[in-house]
Amino acid sequence: MALLARLRARYGAGTTIVVVGASLFGALAQQVVRDRNAAGDDGVRYWHLDDAGLDLLGCHWHCSAAADRLIADRLGDFVATLGLDW
């Protein structure tokens, strides 16, 4: 919560912040977003990082460049639904 408050202070209330949740931490990320939304901050959104199809062939089971591209495409699709005026 403190991190989101610092982001708000730095970038303003009109900035959309996307909180990403994956596997183990997804429920915690969703709770942070719910708490911020309940506090009146509707510019914080949750996005679930679907790990289906990720190869985890990078160092120490991190994503490879190919998996990073897949994640970027999925995140781009999500951001496109937010109606942001860039």
N, C-alpha and C. Protein backbone atom coordinates (compact mmCIF):
# COMPACT_ATOMS: atom_id res chain seq x y z
N MET A 1 0.82 -1.19 0.00
CA MET A 1 0.00 0.00 0.00
C MET A 1 0.87 1.26 0.00
N ALA A 2 1.96 1.23 0.72
CA ALA A 2 2.84 2.41 0.77
C ALA A 2 3.42 2.71 -0.61
N LEU A 3 3.76 1.67 -1.35
CA LEU A 3 4.29 1.88 -2.70
C LEU A 3 3.26 2.57 -3.58
N LEU A 4 2.02 2.13 -3.52
CA LEU A 4 0.98 2.77 -4.33
C LEU A 4 0.75 4.21 -3.90
N ALA A 5 0.84 4.48 -2.62
CA ALA A 5 0.70 5.86 -2.14
C ALA A 5 1.84 6.73 -2.68
N ARG A 6 3.05 6.20 -2.72
CA ARG A 6 4.18 6.95 -3.26
C ARG A 6 4.00 7.18 -4.77
N LEU A 7 3.52 6.16 -5.47
CA LEU A 7 3.26 6.34 -6.91
C LEU A 7 2.21 7.41 -7.14
N ARG A 8 1.16 7.41 -6.33
CA ARG A 8 0.12 8.43 -6.44
C ARG A 8 0.71 9.82 -6.20
N ALA A 9 1.53 9.96 -5.18
CA ALA A 9 2.14 11.26 -4.86
C ALA A 9 3.03 11.74 -6.01
N ARG A 10 3.72 10.81 -6.62
CA ARG A 10 4.66 11.19 -7.68
C ARG A 10 3.97 11.45 -9.01
N TYR A 11 2.97 10.61 -9.39
CA TYR A 11 2.39 10.69 -10.72
C TYR A 11 0.97 11.25 -10.76
N GLY A 12 0.36 11.47 -9.62
CA GLY A 12 -0.96 12.08 -9.57
C GLY A 12 -2.11 11.09 -9.59
N ALA A 13 -3.24 11.59 -9.18
CA ALA A 13 -4.44 10.75 -9.05
C ALA A 13 -4.99 10.29 -10.38
N GLY A 14 -4.67 10.98 -11.46
CA GLY A 14 -5.20 10.61 -12.77
C GLY A 14 -4.44 9.49 -13.45
N THR A 15 -3.39 9.03 -12.86
CA THR A 15 -2.57 7.98 -13.44
C THR A 15 -3.15 6.61 -13.11
N THR A 16 -3.28 5.77 -14.12
CA THR A 16 -3.74 4.40 -13.89
C THR A 16 -2.56 3.53 -13.49
N ILE A 17 -2.73 2.79 -12.43
CA ILE A 17 -1.70 1.87 -11.95
C ILE A 17 -2.25 0.46 -12.09
N VAL A 18 -1.49 -0.40 -12.75
CA VAL A 18 -1.90 -1.79 -12.92
C VAL A 18 -1.06 -2.65 -11.98
N VAL A 19 -1.73 -3.39 -11.12
CA VAL A 19 -1.07 -4.30 -10.20
C VAL A 19 -1.17 -5.70 -10.80
N VAL A 20 -0.04 -6.35 -10.93
CA VAL A 20 0.01 -7.66 -11.56
C VAL A 20 0.10 -8.75 -10.50
N GLY A 21 -0.75 -9.75 -10.66
CA GLY A 21 -0.72 -10.88 -9.75
C GLY A 21 -0.46 -12.16 -10.52
N ALA A 22 0.39 -12.97 -9.98
CA ALA A 22 0.70 -14.25 -10.61
C ALA A 22 0.76 -15.32 -9.52
N SER A 23 0.23 -16.46 -9.83
CA SER A 23 0.33 -17.65 -8.99
C SER A 23 0.16 -17.35 -7.51
N LEU A 24 1.25 -17.54 -6.80
CA LEU A 24 1.27 -17.46 -5.34
C LEU A 24 0.80 -16.11 -4.81
N PHE A 25 1.14 -15.02 -5.49
CA PHE A 25 0.85 -13.69 -4.96
C PHE A 25 -0.38 -13.04 -5.57
N GLY A 26 -1.09 -13.74 -6.41
CA GLY A 26 -2.26 -13.18 -7.06
C GLY A 26 -3.32 -12.70 -6.09
N ALA A 27 -3.63 -13.50 -5.09
CA ALA A 27 -4.66 -13.13 -4.12
C ALA A 27 -4.25 -11.90 -3.32
N LEU A 28 -2.98 -11.81 -2.98
CA LEU A 28 -2.49 -10.63 -2.25
C LEU A 28 -2.57 -9.38 -3.10
N ALA A 29 -2.20 -9.50 -4.36
CA ALA A 29 -2.28 -8.36 -5.27
C ALA A 29 -3.72 -7.90 -5.43
N GLN A 30 -4.65 -8.85 -5.56
CA GLN A 30 -6.06 -8.50 -5.68
C GLN A 30 -6.54 -7.77 -4.43
N GLN A 31 -6.09 -8.18 -3.27
CA GLN A 31 -6.50 -7.53 -2.02
C GLN A 31 -6.00 -6.09 -1.96
N VAL A 32 -4.79 -5.86 -2.40
CA VAL A 32 -4.24 -4.50 -2.44
C VAL A 32 -5.11 -3.62 -3.34
N VAL A 33 -5.47 -4.13 -4.49
CA VAL A 33 -6.31 -3.36 -5.41
C VAL A 33 -7.68 -3.11 -4.79
N ARG A 34 -8.27 -4.12 -4.18
CA ARG A 34 -9.58 -3.93 -3.53
C ARG A 34 -9.50 -2.86 -2.44
N ASP A 35 -8.43 -2.89 -1.66
CA ASP A 35 -8.27 -1.91 -0.58
C ASP A 35 -8.15 -0.50 -1.14
N ARG A 36 -7.35 -0.33 -2.21
CA ARG A 36 -7.20 1.00 -2.82
C ARG A 36 -8.52 1.46 -3.42
N ASN A 37 -9.23 0.56 -4.10
CA ASN A 37 -10.52 0.91 -4.69
C ASN A 37 -11.52 1.30 -3.61
N ALA A 38 -11.55 0.55 -2.51
CA ALA A 38 -12.46 0.85 -1.40
C ALA A 38 -12.14 2.20 -0.76
N ALA A 39 -10.87 2.61 -0.85
CA ALA A 39 -10.45 3.90 -0.31
C ALA A 39 -10.72 5.04 -1.30
N GLY A 40 -11.37 4.72 -2.43
CA GLY A 40 -11.74 5.75 -3.39
C GLY A 40 -10.79 5.92 -4.56
N ASP A 41 -9.77 5.08 -4.64
CA ASP A 41 -8.80 5.16 -5.73
C ASP A 41 -9.20 4.16 -6.81
N ASP A 42 -10.01 4.62 -7.78
CA ASP A 42 -10.48 3.70 -8.82
C ASP A 42 -9.51 3.60 -9.99
N GLY A 43 -8.37 4.24 -9.89
CA GLY A 43 -7.36 4.17 -10.93
C GLY A 43 -6.34 3.07 -10.73
N VAL A 44 -6.59 2.21 -9.76
CA VAL A 44 -5.72 1.05 -9.53
C VAL A 44 -6.48 -0.17 -10.02
N ARG A 45 -5.88 -0.89 -10.94
CA ARG A 45 -6.54 -2.04 -11.56
C ARG A 45 -5.70 -3.29 -11.35
N TYR A 46 -6.35 -4.43 -11.37
CA TYR A 46 -5.67 -5.71 -11.21
C TYR A 46 -5.59 -6.43 -12.55
N TRP A 47 -4.44 -7.01 -12.82
CA TRP A 47 -4.26 -7.85 -14.00
C TRP A 47 -3.61 -9.15 -13.58
N HIS A 48 -4.26 -10.25 -13.89
CA HIS A 48 -3.72 -11.57 -13.58
C HIS A 48 -2.74 -11.99 -14.66
N LEU A 49 -1.52 -12.28 -14.26
CA LEU A 49 -0.51 -12.79 -15.19
C LEU A 49 -0.76 -14.28 -15.38
N ASP A 50 -1.37 -14.61 -16.49
CA ASP A 50 -1.64 -16.01 -16.82
C ASP A 50 -0.34 -16.64 -17.29
N ASP A 51 0.14 -17.62 -16.55
CA ASP A 51 1.43 -18.22 -16.91
C ASP A 51 1.30 -19.39 -17.89
N ALA A 52 0.10 -19.60 -18.42
CA ALA A 52 -0.09 -20.65 -19.42
C ALA A 52 0.75 -20.34 -20.65
N GLY A 53 1.52 -21.31 -21.10
CA GLY A 53 2.30 -21.15 -22.30
C GLY A 53 3.66 -20.52 -22.10
N LEU A 54 3.97 -20.11 -20.87
CA LEU A 54 5.28 -19.52 -20.61
C LEU A 54 6.30 -20.65 -20.44
N ASP A 55 7.44 -20.52 -21.09
CA ASP A 55 8.40 -21.63 -21.11
C ASP A 55 9.35 -21.66 -19.92
N LEU A 56 9.51 -20.56 -19.22
CA LEU A 56 10.38 -20.51 -18.04
C LEU A 56 11.77 -21.08 -18.31
N LEU A 57 12.29 -20.77 -19.49
CA LEU A 57 13.60 -21.27 -19.89
C LEU A 57 14.72 -20.26 -19.63
N GLY A 58 14.40 -19.14 -18.99
CA GLY A 58 15.43 -18.17 -18.65
C GLY A 58 16.20 -18.62 -17.41
N CYS A 59 17.12 -17.82 -17.02
CA CYS A 59 17.97 -18.13 -15.86
C CYS A 59 17.12 -18.35 -14.61
N HIS A 60 17.37 -19.42 -13.90
CA HIS A 60 16.66 -19.76 -12.65
C HIS A 60 15.15 -19.81 -12.85
N TRP A 61 14.72 -20.38 -13.94
CA TRP A 61 13.31 -20.60 -14.26
C TRP A 61 12.53 -19.32 -14.48
N HIS A 62 13.21 -18.25 -14.85
CA HIS A 62 12.51 -17.04 -15.25
C HIS A 62 12.07 -17.21 -16.71
N CYS A 63 11.27 -16.27 -17.16
CA CYS A 63 10.78 -16.34 -18.53
C CYS A 63 11.89 -16.07 -19.53
N SER A 64 11.76 -16.70 -20.68
CA SER A 64 12.67 -16.45 -21.79
C SER A 64 12.21 -15.20 -22.53
N ALA A 65 12.99 -14.77 -23.50
CA ALA A 65 12.60 -13.62 -24.32
C ALA A 65 11.27 -13.90 -25.04
N ALA A 66 11.08 -15.13 -25.49
CA ALA A 66 9.83 -15.48 -26.18
C ALA A 66 8.64 -15.37 -25.21
N ALA A 67 8.83 -15.83 -23.98
CA ALA A 67 7.76 -15.74 -22.99
C ALA A 67 7.50 -14.28 -22.62
N ASP A 68 8.56 -13.48 -22.54
CA ASP A 68 8.39 -12.05 -22.26
C ASP A 68 7.53 -11.38 -23.33
N ARG A 69 7.74 -11.76 -24.58
CA ARG A 69 6.92 -11.20 -25.66
C ARG A 69 5.45 -11.61 -25.50
N LEU A 70 5.23 -12.85 -25.09
CA LEU A 70 3.87 -13.33 -24.86
C LEU A 70 3.21 -12.53 -23.74
N ILE A 71 3.94 -12.31 -22.66
CA ILE A 71 3.42 -11.52 -21.55
C ILE A 71 3.12 -10.10 -22.00
N ALA A 72 4.03 -9.50 -22.75
CA ALA A 72 3.83 -8.14 -23.24
C ALA A 72 2.58 -8.04 -24.10
N ASP A 73 2.35 -9.01 -24.94
CA ASP A 73 1.15 -9.01 -25.78
C ASP A 73 -0.11 -9.10 -24.93
N ARG A 74 -0.09 -9.99 -23.94
CA ARG A 74 -1.26 -10.14 -23.06
C ARG A 74 -1.51 -8.87 -22.27
N LEU A 75 -0.45 -8.28 -21.73
CA LEU A 75 -0.60 -7.05 -20.96
C LEU A 75 -1.09 -5.92 -21.87
N GLY A 76 -0.57 -5.86 -23.08
CA GLY A 76 -1.02 -4.84 -24.03
C GLY A 76 -2.51 -4.97 -24.32
N ASP A 77 -2.98 -6.20 -24.47
CA ASP A 77 -4.41 -6.42 -24.69
C ASP A 77 -5.23 -5.91 -23.50
N PHE A 78 -4.74 -6.16 -22.28
CA PHE A 78 -5.44 -5.70 -21.08
C PHE A 78 -5.45 -4.18 -21.01
N VAL A 79 -4.31 -3.57 -21.21
CA VAL A 79 -4.22 -2.10 -21.15
C VAL A 79 -5.15 -1.46 -22.18
N ALA A 80 -5.29 -2.09 -23.33
CA ALA A 80 -6.18 -1.56 -24.36
C ALA A 80 -7.64 -1.51 -23.89
N THR A 81 -8.02 -2.32 -22.93
CA THR A 81 -9.40 -2.33 -22.42
C THR A 81 -9.65 -1.23 -21.39
N LEU A 82 -8.60 -0.55 -20.95
CA LEU A 82 -8.75 0.42 -19.86
C LEU A 82 -9.27 1.78 -20.32
N GLY A 83 -9.31 2.00 -21.63
CA GLY A 83 -9.83 3.27 -22.12
C GLY A 83 -8.93 4.45 -21.78
N LEU A 84 -7.63 4.22 -21.76
CA LEU A 84 -6.69 5.29 -21.44
C LEU A 84 -6.56 6.24 -22.63
N ASP A 85 -6.41 7.50 -22.32
CA ASP A 85 -6.27 8.52 -23.36
C ASP A 85 -4.82 8.97 -23.41
N TRP A 86 -4.00 8.24 -24.15
CA TRP A 86 -2.58 8.55 -24.22
C TRP A 86 -2.35 9.44 -25.36
